[in-house]
Amino acid sequence: MPEYSTVLTERIGLVERITLNRPEKRNALSSLLQDELIDAVHRAERSNEARVIIIRGAGPSFCSGYDFAPPPGDVEHLRAATLEQDVALTISYGERWSHLWNCRLPVIAQVHGTCIAGGTDVALHCDLVVVAEDARIGFPPVRSQGAPPTHMWLYHAGPQWTKRLLLTGDTVTGAQAAAIGLALEAVPAEQLDDHVLALATRIATIGHDLLVHNKRIVNLGIELMGRTTMQVLAGIHDALAHNAPEALEFSRQVREVGIRAAIDERDARFS
């Protein structure tokens, strides 16, 4: 098995469990974490031993979003210089998380604590989302920074709840997420590990090829609804939204007072 720096992997019977492992950063998605997560999923998929994959987070949160702080000297992740470079960057997020969606094996997101912004990109590209009742899920950056660079919200929550959440940046609890279809089900946080593993084990009693065929036909149905095209459009509109007056003003505030203070000032109006 490969040695990863930011994810942990374990095989439990026919279930591969992958844990995002940057608890000190609430599992913020650095470029390395994104790469290692996708690699771990591909390895499980190609092993011909696992039948189900679980993705969960270490520490107090599932995932707090993208980590845009580049490693020292990493010019590759500097802010896009042109609109087209920004479009290419935002579209790349949808392409990346499509590896979860298109994985032949069923993938379950096990969500606890905070799951916001880029964390929802990961969770909503999984086949099933099971949440702790007290989890918090949403996309607050729509208030000041842009739009979701990927867009699986519509396929999970339907048009009205998608608009309700993306037109306010509000978060919902895990229990609310299950009630509106954003998640499959919600359970008490202390039961989440056992509940998800039991579900994955139950799914894994079905033969490998039958699982692949039955996942694929559902995904193809969603492709007929335009899922891949939607991801491209989401990336384009996120890049365009980065140039909205409010987004430019927020960027100025971040430069002057820092990201935490800028977010606190922004969100105070919604408290």
Protein backbone atom coordinates (compact mmCIF):
# COMPACT_ATOMS: atom_id res chain seq x y z
CA MET A 1 0.00 0.00 0.00
CA PRO A 2 1.29 3.52 -0.76
CA GLU A 3 2.29 5.87 2.05
CA TYR A 4 0.09 8.97 1.90
CA SER A 5 0.70 12.20 3.80
CA THR A 6 -2.87 13.49 3.94
CA VAL A 7 -5.16 10.45 3.76
CA LEU A 8 -5.40 7.17 5.65
CA THR A 9 -6.63 3.96 4.03
CA GLU A 10 -7.82 0.72 5.58
CA ARG A 11 -9.51 -2.40 4.25
CA ILE A 12 -12.37 -3.77 6.34
CA GLY A 13 -13.58 -6.94 4.66
CA LEU A 14 -14.73 -5.84 1.22
CA VAL A 15 -14.93 -2.16 2.23
CA GLU A 16 -12.14 0.37 1.57
CA ARG A 17 -12.30 3.23 4.08
CA ILE A 18 -10.43 6.41 3.18
CA THR A 19 -10.00 9.10 5.82
CA LEU A 20 -9.09 12.70 5.03
CA ASN A 21 -6.29 13.30 7.48
CA ARG A 22 -5.57 16.98 8.01
CA PRO A 23 -7.51 17.37 11.27
CA GLU A 24 -5.49 20.42 12.31
CA LYS A 25 -6.83 22.16 9.17
CA ARG A 26 -10.32 20.64 9.45
CA ASN A 27 -9.34 18.59 6.39
CA ALA A 28 -9.11 21.61 4.10
CA LEU A 29 -8.47 20.45 0.55
CA SER A 30 -4.85 21.21 -0.26
CA SER A 31 -3.68 20.23 -3.73
CA LEU A 32 -1.83 17.28 -2.17
CA LEU A 33 -4.92 16.07 -0.31
CA GLN A 34 -6.98 16.25 -3.50
CA ASP A 35 -4.36 14.26 -5.43
CA GLU A 36 -3.95 11.63 -2.72
CA LEU A 37 -7.68 11.19 -2.26
CA ILE A 38 -8.25 10.55 -5.97
CA ASP A 39 -5.25 8.21 -6.10
CA ALA A 40 -6.54 6.22 -3.11
CA VAL A 41 -9.97 5.89 -4.76
CA HIS A 42 -8.39 4.68 -8.01
CA ARG A 43 -6.24 2.14 -6.16
CA ALA A 44 -9.26 0.71 -4.39
CA GLU A 45 -11.17 0.62 -7.67
CA ARG A 46 -8.37 -1.23 -9.47
CA SER A 47 -7.66 -3.67 -6.66
CA ASN A 48 -10.56 -5.98 -7.62
CA GLU A 49 -10.81 -6.73 -3.90
CA ALA A 50 -12.88 -3.82 -2.55
CA ARG A 51 -16.56 -3.51 -3.46
CA VAL A 52 -17.47 -0.29 -1.63
CA ILE A 53 -15.53 2.86 -0.70
CA ILE A 54 -16.20 5.10 2.32
CA ILE A 55 -14.78 8.63 2.48
CA ARG A 56 -14.74 10.27 5.90
CA GLY A 57 -12.75 12.95 7.78
CA ALA A 58 -10.45 12.80 10.80
CA GLY A 59 -10.93 15.20 13.70
CA PRO A 60 -13.87 17.54 14.27
CA SER A 61 -14.95 18.01 10.65
CA PHE A 62 -15.48 16.20 7.39
CA CYS A 63 -14.00 19.02 5.28
CA SER A 64 -13.86 22.80 5.66
CA GLY A 65 -13.39 23.55 1.95
CA TYR A 66 -10.48 24.28 -0.35
CA ASP A 67 -7.10 25.27 1.06
CA PHE A 68 -5.93 28.02 -1.28
CA ALA A 69 -2.67 28.67 0.54
CA PRO A 70 -0.03 27.33 -1.87
CA PRO A 71 3.09 25.57 -0.60
CA PRO A 72 6.19 27.81 -0.66
CA GLY A 73 7.39 28.31 -4.21
CA ASP A 74 4.31 26.67 -5.75
CA VAL A 75 3.61 29.09 -8.60
CA GLU A 76 1.17 26.65 -10.17
CA HIS A 77 -1.55 27.63 -7.69
CA LEU A 78 -1.19 31.39 -7.89
CA ARG A 79 -4.35 33.37 -8.66
CA ALA A 80 -5.38 33.13 -12.31
CA ALA A 81 -4.09 36.11 -14.31
CA THR A 82 -6.87 36.12 -16.92
CA LEU A 83 -10.55 35.23 -17.01
CA GLU A 84 -9.84 32.25 -19.25
CA GLN A 85 -7.23 30.92 -16.82
CA ASP A 86 -9.80 31.28 -14.05
CA VAL A 87 -12.38 29.39 -16.16
CA ALA A 88 -9.87 26.60 -16.79
CA LEU A 89 -9.12 26.38 -13.05
CA THR A 90 -12.75 26.29 -11.94
CA ILE A 91 -13.71 23.71 -14.58
CA SER A 92 -10.83 21.54 -13.36
CA TYR A 93 -12.58 21.06 -10.01
CA GLY A 94 -15.55 19.40 -11.68
CA GLU A 95 -13.22 17.24 -13.73
CA ARG A 96 -11.32 16.19 -10.62
CA TRP A 97 -14.31 15.20 -8.49
CA SER A 98 -15.85 13.38 -11.43
CA HIS A 99 -13.30 10.67 -10.59
CA LEU A 100 -15.42 9.99 -7.49
CA TRP A 101 -18.68 10.08 -9.41
CA ASN A 102 -17.37 7.85 -12.21
CA CYS A 103 -15.56 5.38 -9.94
CA ARG A 104 -16.96 1.96 -10.81
CA LEU A 105 -17.43 1.13 -7.12
CA PRO A 106 -20.13 2.68 -4.95
CA VAL A 107 -18.70 5.56 -2.90
CA ILE A 108 -20.27 6.67 0.38
CA ALA A 109 -19.54 10.07 1.95
CA GLN A 110 -19.59 9.85 5.75
CA VAL A 111 -20.12 13.44 6.88
CA HIS A 112 -19.74 14.82 10.39
CA GLY A 113 -18.97 18.24 11.82
CA THR A 114 -18.43 20.88 9.15
CA CYS A 115 -18.91 20.17 5.46
CA ILE A 116 -18.84 23.47 3.63
CA ALA A 117 -17.73 24.92 0.31
CA GLY A 118 -15.26 22.52 -1.33
CA GLY A 119 -16.22 19.86 1.21
CA THR A 120 -19.63 19.71 -0.44
CA ASP A 121 -17.94 19.24 -3.83
CA VAL A 122 -16.43 16.03 -2.46
CA ALA A 123 -19.52 14.78 -0.62
CA LEU A 124 -22.02 15.46 -3.39
CA HIS A 125 -19.90 13.63 -5.96
CA CYS A 126 -20.26 10.45 -3.91
CA ASP A 127 -23.10 8.03 -4.61
CA LEU A 128 -24.55 8.12 -1.11
CA VAL A 129 -24.20 10.81 1.57
CA VAL A 130 -24.80 9.74 5.16
CA VAL A 131 -24.50 12.48 7.77
CA ALA A 132 -24.38 13.07 11.49
CA GLU A 133 -27.58 14.77 12.66
CA ASP A 134 -25.61 17.74 14.01
CA ALA A 135 -23.34 18.22 10.98
CA ARG A 136 -23.37 21.61 9.25
CA ILE A 137 -23.55 21.63 5.45
CA GLY A 138 -23.59 24.54 3.02
CA PHE A 139 -21.73 26.86 0.66
CA PRO A 140 -21.22 30.23 2.44
CA PRO A 141 -18.73 31.53 -0.18
CA VAL A 142 -21.71 32.37 -2.46
CA ARG A 143 -22.15 35.42 -0.22
CA SER A 144 -18.97 37.10 -1.36
CA GLN A 145 -16.62 34.97 -3.43
CA GLY A 146 -18.40 33.35 -6.36
CA ALA A 147 -20.50 30.27 -7.08
CA PRO A 148 -19.92 26.55 -6.50
CA PRO A 149 -17.29 25.50 -9.07
CA THR A 150 -19.06 22.16 -9.34
CA HIS A 151 -22.80 21.78 -9.25
CA MET A 152 -24.26 18.56 -7.92
CA TRP A 153 -26.73 20.38 -5.68
CA LEU A 154 -29.56 20.29 -8.19
CA TYR A 155 -29.33 16.50 -8.60
CA HIS A 156 -29.54 15.91 -4.84
CA ALA A 157 -31.82 18.62 -3.44
CA GLY A 158 -33.94 19.71 -6.42
CA PRO A 159 -34.33 23.26 -7.75
CA GLN A 160 -36.09 25.01 -4.86
CA TRP A 161 -33.83 23.85 -2.03
CA THR A 162 -30.78 24.37 -4.22
CA LYS A 163 -31.84 27.97 -4.81
CA ARG A 164 -32.71 28.42 -1.14
CA LEU A 165 -29.21 27.42 -0.08
CA LEU A 166 -27.19 29.00 -2.88
CA LEU A 167 -29.08 32.31 -2.82
CA THR A 168 -28.32 32.78 0.89
CA GLY A 169 -25.17 30.84 1.67
CA ASP A 170 -27.00 29.39 4.68
CA THR A 171 -26.00 26.04 6.13
CA VAL A 172 -28.33 23.24 7.18
CA THR A 173 -27.92 20.57 9.81
CA GLY A 174 -27.38 16.96 8.85
CA ALA A 175 -30.95 16.20 9.93
CA GLN A 176 -32.26 18.96 7.64
CA ALA A 177 -30.03 17.76 4.79
CA ALA A 178 -31.58 14.31 4.99
CA ALA A 179 -35.08 15.79 5.08
CA ILE A 180 -34.56 17.75 1.84
CA GLY A 181 -32.73 14.98 -0.04
CA LEU A 182 -29.27 16.53 0.12
CA ALA A 183 -28.26 13.45 2.13
CA LEU A 184 -29.57 9.90 2.18
CA GLU A 185 -30.05 9.78 5.95
CA ALA A 186 -28.90 11.31 9.22
CA VAL A 187 -27.94 9.45 12.40
CA PRO A 188 -26.61 10.50 15.83
CA ALA A 189 -22.95 11.45 15.54
CA GLU A 190 -21.80 8.72 17.93
CA GLN A 191 -23.44 6.08 15.72
CA LEU A 192 -22.13 7.39 12.38
CA ASP A 193 -19.02 5.18 12.02
CA ASP A 194 -20.86 1.95 12.79
CA HIS A 195 -23.93 2.87 10.75
CA VAL A 196 -22.00 3.72 7.59
CA LEU A 197 -19.77 0.67 7.87
CA ALA A 198 -22.85 -1.55 8.29
CA LEU A 199 -24.44 0.01 5.20
CA ALA A 200 -21.25 -0.42 3.17
CA THR A 201 -20.92 -4.04 4.31
CA ARG A 202 -24.52 -4.71 3.32
CA ILE A 203 -23.92 -3.26 -0.14
CA ALA A 204 -20.73 -5.33 -0.44
CA THR A 205 -22.71 -8.55 -0.16
CA ILE A 206 -23.73 -7.95 -3.80
CA GLY A 207 -21.26 -9.17 -6.40
CA HIS A 208 -18.69 -6.70 -7.76
CA ASP A 209 -19.91 -6.67 -11.35
CA LEU A 210 -23.56 -6.33 -10.37
CA LEU A 211 -22.71 -3.29 -8.24
CA VAL A 212 -20.82 -1.76 -11.17
CA HIS A 213 -23.68 -2.31 -13.61
CA ASN A 214 -26.34 -0.95 -11.29
CA LYS A 215 -24.32 2.13 -10.38
CA ARG A 216 -23.47 2.81 -14.02
CA ILE A 217 -27.05 2.77 -15.27
CA VAL A 218 -28.15 5.33 -12.67
CA ASN A 219 -25.18 7.55 -13.51
CA LEU A 220 -25.93 7.30 -17.21
CA GLY A 221 -29.49 8.41 -16.48
CA ILE A 222 -28.13 11.50 -14.74
CA GLU A 223 -25.77 12.09 -17.68
CA LEU A 224 -28.88 12.23 -19.88
CA MET A 225 -29.96 15.12 -17.65
CA GLY A 226 -26.75 16.95 -18.58
CA ARG A 227 -24.56 16.41 -15.52
CA THR A 228 -21.18 16.79 -17.24
CA THR A 229 -22.27 19.88 -19.15
CA MET A 230 -23.61 21.31 -15.88
CA GLN A 231 -20.15 20.99 -14.30
CA VAL A 232 -18.58 22.99 -17.15
CA LEU A 233 -21.27 25.67 -16.86
CA ALA A 234 -20.77 25.79 -13.09
CA GLY A 235 -17.05 26.38 -13.53
CA ILE A 236 -17.64 29.17 -16.06
CA HIS A 237 -20.18 30.92 -13.83
CA ASP A 238 -17.91 30.64 -10.80
CA ALA A 239 -15.14 32.38 -12.76
CA LEU A 240 -17.57 35.09 -13.90
CA ALA A 241 -18.84 35.53 -10.34
CA HIS A 242 -15.29 36.17 -9.14
CA ASN A 243 -15.56 39.51 -10.94
CA ALA A 244 -18.82 40.61 -9.31
CA PRO A 245 -18.44 43.91 -7.39
CA GLU A 246 -19.03 42.14 -4.07
CA ALA A 247 -16.38 39.52 -4.83
CA LEU A 248 -13.82 42.17 -5.74
CA GLU A 249 -14.63 44.10 -2.55
CA PHE A 250 -14.28 40.93 -0.47
CA SER A 251 -10.87 40.26 -2.04
CA ARG A 252 -9.81 43.78 -1.08
CA GLN A 253 -10.94 43.20 2.51
CA VAL A 254 -9.04 39.93 2.68
CA ARG A 255 -5.86 41.70 1.60
CA GLU A 256 -6.39 44.41 4.21
CA VAL A 257 -7.66 42.54 7.28
CA GLY A 258 -7.18 38.83 6.52
CA ILE A 259 -9.55 36.05 5.54
CA ARG A 260 -10.99 35.34 9.01
CA ALA A 261 -11.89 38.95 9.75
CA ALA A 262 -13.35 39.42 6.27
CA ILE A 263 -15.55 36.33 6.65
CA ASP A 264 -16.68 37.39 10.13
CA GLU A 265 -17.71 40.81 8.83
CA ARG A 266 -19.51 39.27 5.86
CA ASP A 267 -21.42 36.68 7.86
CA ALA A 268 -22.44 39.07 10.65
CA ARG A 269 -25.27 40.30 8.41
CA PHE A 270 -26.69 36.76 8.29
CA SER A 271 -26.53 35.94 11.99
